Amino acid sequence: MSRMNPILRLRRLFRQVGAQPREADELSTVLDEIYLSRQEFEERIARLMAENRNQSLLGVLIIVGIGVGVLALVN
């Protein structure tokens, strides 16, 4: 069974609650432009997680560098 596009489901829902065909098309078009698709959302989350990982690794590198520097000065 194929799945219906979420925008088409919204258009059908708008029609069921009484919107005219033109209004249903406009509403679904606006929502399609505003909200991210699932793929766009997943790409954004992956990019945010990669940035977070990079910041964490940089933080660890700085802390280890400071620790090595302190140990080098003490010895």
PDB file of N, CA and C in Angstrom:
ATOM      1  N   MET A   1       0.844  -1.176   0.000  1.00  0.00           N
ATOM      2  CA  MET A   1       0.000   0.000   0.000  1.00  0.00           C
ATOM      3  C   MET A   1       0.888   1.237   0.000  1.00  0.00           C
ATOM      4  N   SER A   2       0.666   2.109  -0.945  1.00  0.00           N
ATOM      5  CA  SER A   2       1.488   3.318  -1.007  1.00  0.00           C
ATOM      6  C   SER A   2       0.975   4.343   0.000  1.00  0.00           C
ATOM      7  N   ARG A   3       1.899   5.143   0.475  1.00  0.00           N
ATOM      8  CA  ARG A   3       1.544   6.169   1.459  1.00  0.00           C
ATOM      9  C   ARG A   3       1.296   7.476   0.744  1.00  0.00           C
ATOM     10  N   MET A   4       0.300   8.211   1.229  1.00  0.00           N
ATOM     11  CA  MET A   4      -0.049   9.488   0.622  1.00  0.00           C
ATOM     12  C   MET A   4       0.878  10.575   1.148  1.00  0.00           C
ATOM     13  N   ASN A   5       1.255  11.464   0.270  1.00  0.00           N
ATOM     14  CA  ASN A   5       2.073  12.615   0.623  1.00  0.00           C
ATOM     15  C   ASN A   5       1.359  13.407   1.729  1.00  0.00           C
ATOM     16  N   PRO A   6       2.072  13.827   2.784  1.00  0.00           N
ATOM     17  CA  PRO A   6       1.430  14.571   3.871  1.00  0.00           C
ATOM     18  C   PRO A   6       0.717  15.846   3.402  1.00  0.00           C
ATOM     19  N   ILE A   7       1.254  16.499   2.383  1.00  0.00           N
ATOM     20  CA  ILE A   7       0.623  17.720   1.887  1.00  0.00           C
ATOM     21  C   ILE A   7      -0.715  17.390   1.233  1.00  0.00           C
ATOM     22  N   LEU A   8      -0.773  16.272   0.515  1.00  0.00           N
ATOM     23  CA  LEU A   8      -2.041  15.866  -0.086  1.00  0.00           C
ATOM     24  C   LEU A   8      -3.052  15.493   0.989  1.00  0.00           C
ATOM     25  N   ARG A   9      -2.590  14.877   2.063  1.00  0.00           N
ATOM     26  CA  ARG A   9      -3.505  14.558   3.168  1.00  0.00           C
ATOM     27  C   ARG A   9      -4.030  15.836   3.805  1.00  0.00           C
ATOM     28  N   LEU A  10      -3.155  16.837   3.963  1.00  0.00           N
ATOM     29  CA  LEU A  10      -3.614  18.108   4.524  1.00  0.00           C
ATOM     30  C   LEU A  10      -4.639  18.772   3.605  1.00  0.00           C
ATOM     31  N   ARG A  11      -4.374  18.741   2.312  1.00  0.00           N
ATOM     32  CA  ARG A  11      -5.309  19.328   1.348  1.00  0.00           C
ATOM     33  C   ARG A  11      -6.674  18.654   1.463  1.00  0.00           C
ATOM     34  N   ARG A  12      -6.655  17.317   1.564  1.00  0.00           N
ATOM     35  CA  ARG A  12      -7.916  16.574   1.710  1.00  0.00           C
ATOM     36  C   ARG A  12      -8.611  16.938   3.021  1.00  0.00           C
ATOM     37  N   LEU A  13      -7.832  17.084   4.103  1.00  0.00           N
ATOM     38  CA  LEU A  13      -8.398  17.466   5.388  1.00  0.00           C
ATOM     39  C   LEU A  13      -9.036  18.848   5.319  1.00  0.00           C
ATOM     40  N   PHE A  14      -8.343  19.807   4.696  1.00  0.00           N
ATOM     41  CA  PHE A  14      -8.911  21.144   4.557  1.00  0.00           C
ATOM     42  C   PHE A  14     -10.230  21.103   3.799  1.00  0.00           C
ATOM     43  N   ARG A  15     -10.288  20.262   2.768  1.00  0.00           N
ATOM     44  CA  ARG A  15     -11.531  20.128   1.993  1.00  0.00           C
ATOM     45  C   ARG A  15     -12.634  19.529   2.854  1.00  0.00           C
ATOM     46  N   GLN A  16     -12.290  18.585   3.715  1.00  0.00           N
ATOM     47  CA  GLN A  16     -13.297  17.941   4.553  1.00  0.00           C
ATOM     48  C   GLN A  16     -13.870  18.896   5.591  1.00  0.00           C
ATOM     49  N   VAL A  17     -13.082  19.856   6.055  1.00  0.00           N
ATOM     50  CA  VAL A  17     -13.581  20.792   7.062  1.00  0.00           C
ATOM     51  C   VAL A  17     -14.260  21.996   6.423  1.00  0.00           C
ATOM     52  N   GLY A  18     -14.383  21.991   5.091  1.00  0.00           N
ATOM     53  CA  GLY A  18     -15.194  23.009   4.447  1.00  0.00           C
ATOM     54  C   GLY A  18     -14.459  24.046   3.628  1.00  0.00           C
ATOM     55  N   ALA A  19     -13.177  23.919   3.443  1.00  0.00           N
ATOM     56  CA  ALA A  19     -12.448  24.899   2.643  1.00  0.00           C
ATOM     57  C   ALA A  19     -12.740  24.674   1.161  1.00  0.00           C
ATOM     58  N   GLN A  20     -12.749  25.740   0.405  1.00  0.00           N
ATOM     59  CA  GLN A  20     -12.904  25.642  -1.041  1.00  0.00           C
ATOM     60  C   GLN A  20     -11.627  25.052  -1.635  1.00  0.00           C
ATOM     61  N   PRO A  21     -11.702  24.461  -2.832  1.00  0.00           N
ATOM     62  CA  PRO A  21     -10.501  23.858  -3.431  1.00  0.00           C
ATOM     63  C   PRO A  21      -9.327  24.829  -3.529  1.00  0.00           C
ATOM     64  N   ARG A  22      -9.605  26.056  -3.904  1.00  0.00           N
ATOM     65  CA  ARG A  22      -8.537  27.045  -4.028  1.00  0.00           C
ATOM     66  C   ARG A  22      -7.914  27.362  -2.670  1.00  0.00           C
ATOM     67  N   GLU A  23      -8.759  27.512  -1.650  1.00  0.00           N
ATOM     68  CA  GLU A  23      -8.253  27.780  -0.298  1.00  0.00           C
ATOM     69  C   GLU A  23      -7.440  26.604   0.225  1.00  0.00           C
ATOM     70  N   ALA A  24      -7.917  25.384  -0.023  1.00  0.00           N
ATOM     71  CA  ALA A  24      -7.193  24.190   0.427  1.00  0.00           C
ATOM     72  C   ALA A  24      -5.826  24.122  -0.251  1.00  0.00           C
ATOM     73  N   ASP A  25      -5.771  24.444  -1.542  1.00  0.00           N
ATOM     74  CA  ASP A  25      -4.488  24.461  -2.255  1.00  0.00           C
ATOM     75  C   ASP A  25      -3.547  25.506  -1.676  1.00  0.00           C
ATOM     76  N   GLU A  26      -4.069  26.713  -1.393  1.00  0.00           N
ATOM     77  CA  GLU A  26      -3.231  27.781  -0.838  1.00  0.00           C
ATOM     78  C   GLU A  26      -2.707  27.408   0.537  1.00  0.00           C
ATOM     79  N   LEU A  27      -3.584  26.869   1.388  1.00  0.00           N
ATOM     80  CA  LEU A  27      -3.151  26.486   2.739  1.00  0.00           C
ATOM     81  C   LEU A  27      -2.087  25.401   2.698  1.00  0.00           C
ATOM     82  N   SER A  28      -2.300  24.390   1.872  1.00  0.00           N
ATOM     83  CA  SER A  28      -1.317  23.311   1.805  1.00  0.00           C
ATOM     84  C   SER A  28      -0.002  23.788   1.197  1.00  0.00           C
ATOM     85  N   THR A  29      -0.059  24.713   0.244  1.00  0.00           N
ATOM     86  CA  THR A  29       1.163  25.257  -0.342  1.00  0.00           C
ATOM     87  C   THR A  29       1.950  26.054   0.689  1.00  0.00           C
ATOM     88  N   VAL A  30       1.255  26.869   1.463  1.00  0.00           N
ATOM     89  CA  VAL A  30       1.923  27.665   2.506  1.00  0.00           C
ATOM     90  C   VAL A  30       2.574  26.750   3.539  1.00  0.00           C
ATOM     91  N   LEU A  31       1.855  25.733   3.972  1.00  0.00           N
ATOM     92  CA  LEU A  31       2.424  24.804   4.952  1.00  0.00           C
ATOM     93  C   LEU A  31       3.617  24.053   4.375  1.00  0.00           C
ATOM     94  N   ASP A  32       3.546  23.703   3.105  1.00  0.00           N
ATOM     95  CA  ASP A  32       4.656  23.006   2.470  1.00  0.00           C
ATOM     96  C   ASP A  32       5.900  23.881   2.409  1.00  0.00           C
ATOM     97  N   GLU A  33       5.723  25.187   2.222  1.00  0.00           N
ATOM     98  CA  GLU A  33       6.862  26.112   2.160  1.00  0.00           C
ATOM     99  C   GLU A  33       7.438  26.398   3.537  1.00  0.00           C
ATOM    100  N   ILE A  34       6.598  26.385   4.563  1.00  0.00           N
ATOM    101  CA  ILE A  34       7.045  26.750   5.911  1.00  0.00           C
ATOM    102  C   ILE A  34       7.755  25.590   6.599  1.00  0.00           C
ATOM    103  N   TYR A  35       7.145  24.426   6.587  1.00  0.00           N
ATOM    104  CA  TYR A  35       7.656  23.308   7.360  1.00  0.00           C
ATOM    105  C   TYR A  35       8.664  22.487   6.571  1.00  0.00           C
ATOM    106  N   LEU A  36       9.625  21.913   7.301  1.00  0.00           N
ATOM    107  CA  LEU A  36      10.661  21.083   6.702  1.00  0.00           C
ATOM    108  C   LEU A  36      10.110  19.698   6.378  1.00  0.00           C
ATOM    109  N   SER A  37      10.626  19.113   5.327  1.00  0.00           N
ATOM    110  CA  SER A  37      10.283  17.726   5.042  1.00  0.00           C
ATOM    111  C   SER A  37      11.059  16.842   6.014  1.00  0.00           C
ATOM    112  N   ARG A  38      10.719  15.588   6.043  1.00  0.00           N
ATOM    113  CA  ARG A  38      11.399  14.668   6.951  1.00  0.00           C
ATOM    114  C   ARG A  38      12.885  14.598   6.635  1.00  0.00           C
ATOM    115  N   GLN A  39      13.230  14.556   5.347  1.00  0.00           N
ATOM    116  CA  GLN A  39      14.636  14.479   4.949  1.00  0.00           C
ATOM    117  C   GLN A  39      15.382  15.746   5.354  1.00  0.00           C
ATOM    118  N   GLU A  40      14.775  16.919   5.144  1.00  0.00           N
ATOM    119  CA  GLU A  40      15.415  18.175   5.543  1.00  0.00           C
ATOM    120  C   GLU A  40      15.617  18.220   7.052  1.00  0.00           C
ATOM    121  N   PHE A  41      14.625  17.739   7.801  1.00  0.00           N
ATOM    122  CA  PHE A  41      14.722  17.714   9.256  1.00  0.00           C
ATOM    123  C   PHE A  41      15.855  16.797   9.702  1.00  0.00           C
ATOM    124  N   GLU A  42      15.939  15.602   9.100  1.00  0.00           N
ATOM    125  CA  GLU A  42      17.000  14.666   9.465  1.00  0.00           C
ATOM    126  C   GLU A  42      18.372  15.218   9.119  1.00  0.00           C
ATOM    127  N   GLU A  43      18.490  15.904   7.977  1.00  0.00           N
ATOM    128  CA  GLU A  43      19.767  16.514   7.595  1.00  0.00           C
ATOM    129  C   GLU A  43      20.164  17.610   8.577  1.00  0.00           C
ATOM    130  N   ARG A  44      19.196  18.409   9.005  1.00  0.00           N
ATOM    131  CA  ARG A  44      19.479  19.471   9.967  1.00  0.00           C
ATOM    132  C   ARG A  44      19.929  18.887  11.303  1.00  0.00           C
ATOM    133  N   ILE A  45      19.256  17.839  11.772  1.00  0.00           N
ATOM    134  CA  ILE A  45      19.641  17.192  13.031  1.00  0.00           C
ATOM    135  C   ILE A  45      21.041  16.595  12.919  1.00  0.00           C
ATOM    136  N   ALA A  46      21.339  15.944  11.797  1.00  0.00           N
ATOM    137  CA  ALA A  46      22.669  15.359  11.602  1.00  0.00           C
ATOM    138  C   ALA A  46      23.741  16.445  11.618  1.00  0.00           C
ATOM    139  N   ARG A  47      23.464  17.586  10.987  1.00  0.00           N
ATOM    140  CA  ARG A  47      24.429  18.688  10.963  1.00  0.00           C
ATOM    141  C   ARG A  47      24.635  19.250  12.369  1.00  0.00           C
ATOM    142  N   LEU A  48      23.557  19.404  13.134  1.00  0.00           N
ATOM    143  CA  LEU A  48      23.678  19.907  14.504  1.00  0.00           C
ATOM    144  C   LEU A  48      24.464  18.935  15.390  1.00  0.00           C
ATOM    145  N   MET A  49      24.229  17.644  15.207  1.00  0.00           N
ATOM    146  CA  MET A  49      24.962  16.650  15.996  1.00  0.00           C
ATOM    147  C   MET A  49      26.441  16.646  15.631  1.00  0.00           C
ATOM    148  N   ALA A  50      26.758  16.817  14.355  1.00  0.00           N
ATOM    149  CA  ALA A  50      28.161  16.873  13.923  1.00  0.00           C
ATOM    150  C   ALA A  50      28.851  18.105  14.506  1.00  0.00           C
ATOM    151  N   GLU A  51      28.148  19.234  14.498  1.00  0.00           N
ATOM    152  CA  GLU A  51      28.728  20.453  15.084  1.00  0.00           C
ATOM    153  C   GLU A  51      28.959  20.263  16.575  1.00  0.00           C
ATOM    154  N   ASN A  52      28.007  19.639  17.257  1.00  0.00           N
ATOM    155  CA  ASN A  52      28.141  19.397  18.693  1.00  0.00           C
ATOM    156  C   ASN A  52      29.319  18.476  18.976  1.00  0.00           C
ATOM    157  N   ARG A  53      29.470  17.425  18.156  1.00  0.00           N
ATOM    158  CA  ARG A  53      30.597  16.491  18.328  1.00  0.00           C
ATOM    159  C   ARG A  53      31.927  17.211  18.110  1.00  0.00           C
ATOM    160  N   ASN A  54      31.992  18.060  17.087  1.00  0.00           N
ATOM    161  CA  ASN A  54      33.223  18.801  16.820  1.00  0.00           C
ATOM    162  C   ASN A  54      33.571  19.737  17.968  1.00  0.00           C
ATOM    163  N   GLN A  55      32.568  20.410  18.528  1.00  0.00           N
ATOM    164  CA  GLN A  55      32.815  21.301  19.661  1.00  0.00           C
ATOM    165  C   GLN A  55      33.283  20.507  20.880  1.00  0.00           C
ATOM    166  N   SER A  56      32.689  19.357  21.104  1.00  0.00           N
ATOM    167  CA  SER A  56      33.099  18.520  22.236  1.00  0.00           C
ATOM    168  C   SER A  56      34.540  18.039  22.069  1.00  0.00           C
ATOM    169  N   LEU A  57      34.881  17.594  20.866  1.00  0.00           N
ATOM    170  CA  LEU A  57      36.258  17.144  20.623  1.00  0.00           C
ATOM    171  C   LEU A  57      37.257  18.281  20.788  1.00  0.00           C
ATOM    172  N   LEU A  58      36.895  19.459  20.333  1.00  0.00           N
ATOM    173  CA  LEU A  58      37.772  20.613  20.505  1.00  0.00           C
ATOM    174  C   LEU A  58      37.951  20.941  21.984  1.00  0.00           C
ATOM    175  N   GLY A  59      36.881  20.861  22.748  1.00  0.00           N
ATOM    176  CA  GLY A  59      36.965  21.103  24.184  1.00  0.00           C
ATOM    177  C   GLY A  59      37.871  20.109  24.878  1.00  0.00           C
ATOM    178  N   VAL A  60      37.737  18.835  24.516  1.00  0.00           N
ATOM    179  CA  VAL A  60      38.592  17.798  25.107  1.00  0.00           C
ATOM    180  C   VAL A  60      40.043  18.037  24.718  1.00  0.00           C
ATOM    181  N   LEU A  61      40.289  18.391  23.470  1.00  0.00           N
ATOM    182  CA  LEU A  61      41.647  18.661  23.011  1.00  0.00           C
ATOM    183  C   LEU A  61      42.265  19.828  23.788  1.00  0.00           C
ATOM    184  N   ILE A  62      41.496  20.872  24.033  1.00  0.00           N
ATOM    185  CA  ILE A  62      42.003  22.024  24.788  1.00  0.00           C
ATOM    186  C   ILE A  62      42.315  21.630  26.227  1.00  0.00           C
ATOM    187  N   ILE A  63      41.420  20.873  26.852  1.00  0.00           N
ATOM    188  CA  ILE A  63      41.638  20.456  28.245  1.00  0.00           C
ATOM    189  C   ILE A  63      42.868  19.553  28.351  1.00  0.00           C
ATOM    190  N   VAL A  64      43.004  18.612  27.432  1.00  0.00           N
ATOM    191  CA  VAL A  64      44.179  17.724  27.445  1.00  0.00           C
ATOM    192  C   VAL A  64      45.447  18.529  27.196  1.00  0.00           C
ATOM    193  N   GLY A  65      45.382  19.503  26.286  1.00  0.00           N
ATOM    194  CA  GLY A  65      46.548  20.355  26.015  1.00  0.00           C
ATOM    195  C   GLY A  65      46.972  21.134  27.241  1.00  0.00           C
ATOM    196  N   ILE A  66      46.003  21.679  27.961  1.00  0.00           N
ATOM    197  CA  ILE A  66      46.318  22.418  29.193  1.00  0.00           C
ATOM    198  C   ILE A  66      46.924  21.468  30.221  1.00  0.00           C
ATOM    199  N   GLY A  67      46.340  20.266  30.339  1.00  0.00           N
ATOM    200  CA  GLY A  67      46.875  19.284  31.291  1.00  0.00           C
ATOM    201  C   GLY A  67      48.303  18.893  30.964  1.00  0.00           C
ATOM    202  N   VAL A  68      48.581  18.653  29.699  1.00  0.00           N
ATOM    203  CA  VAL A  68      49.954  18.299  29.282  1.00  0.00           C
ATOM    204  C   VAL A  68      50.891  19.470  29.549  1.00  0.00           C
ATOM    205  N   GLY A  69      50.439  20.688  29.281  1.00  0.00           N
ATOM    206  CA  GLY A  69      51.268  21.863  29.547  1.00  0.00           C
ATOM    207  C   GLY A  69      51.595  22.019  31.018  1.00  0.00           C
ATOM    208  N   VAL A  70      50.602  21.799  31.866  1.00  0.00           N
ATOM    209  CA  VAL A  70      50.829  21.890  33.313  1.00  0.00           C
ATOM    210  C   VAL A  70      51.809  20.809  33.761  1.00  0.00           C
ATOM    211  N   LEU A  71      51.617  19.591  33.273  1.00  0.00           N
ATOM    212  CA  LEU A  71      52.543  18.503  33.654  1.00  0.00           C
ATOM    213  C   LEU A  71      53.963  18.779  33.164  1.00  0.00           C
ATOM    214  N   ALA A  72      54.077  19.368  31.985  1.00  0.00           N
ATOM    215  CA  ALA A  72      55.409  19.683  31.456  1.00  0.00           C
ATOM    216  C   ALA A  72      56.079  20.763  32.310  1.00  0.00           C
ATOM    217  N   LEU A  73      55.318  21.728  32.793  1.00  0.00           N
ATOM    218  CA  LEU A  73      55.887  22.779  33.643  1.00  0.00           C
ATOM    219  C   LEU A  73      56.259  22.259  35.017  1.00  0.00           C
ATOM    220  N   VAL A  74      55.489  21.346  35.560  1.00  0.00           N
ATOM    221  CA  VAL A  74      55.749  20.811  36.888  1.00  0.00           C
ATOM    222  C   VAL A  74      56.993  19.914  36.874  1.00  0.00           C
ATOM    223  N   ASN A  75      57.191  19.152  35.844  1.00  0.00           N
ATOM    224  CA  ASN A  75      58.348  18.248  35.786  1.00  0.00           C
ATOM    225  C   ASN A  75      59.500  19.025  35.289  1.00  0.00           C
TER     226      ASN A  75
END
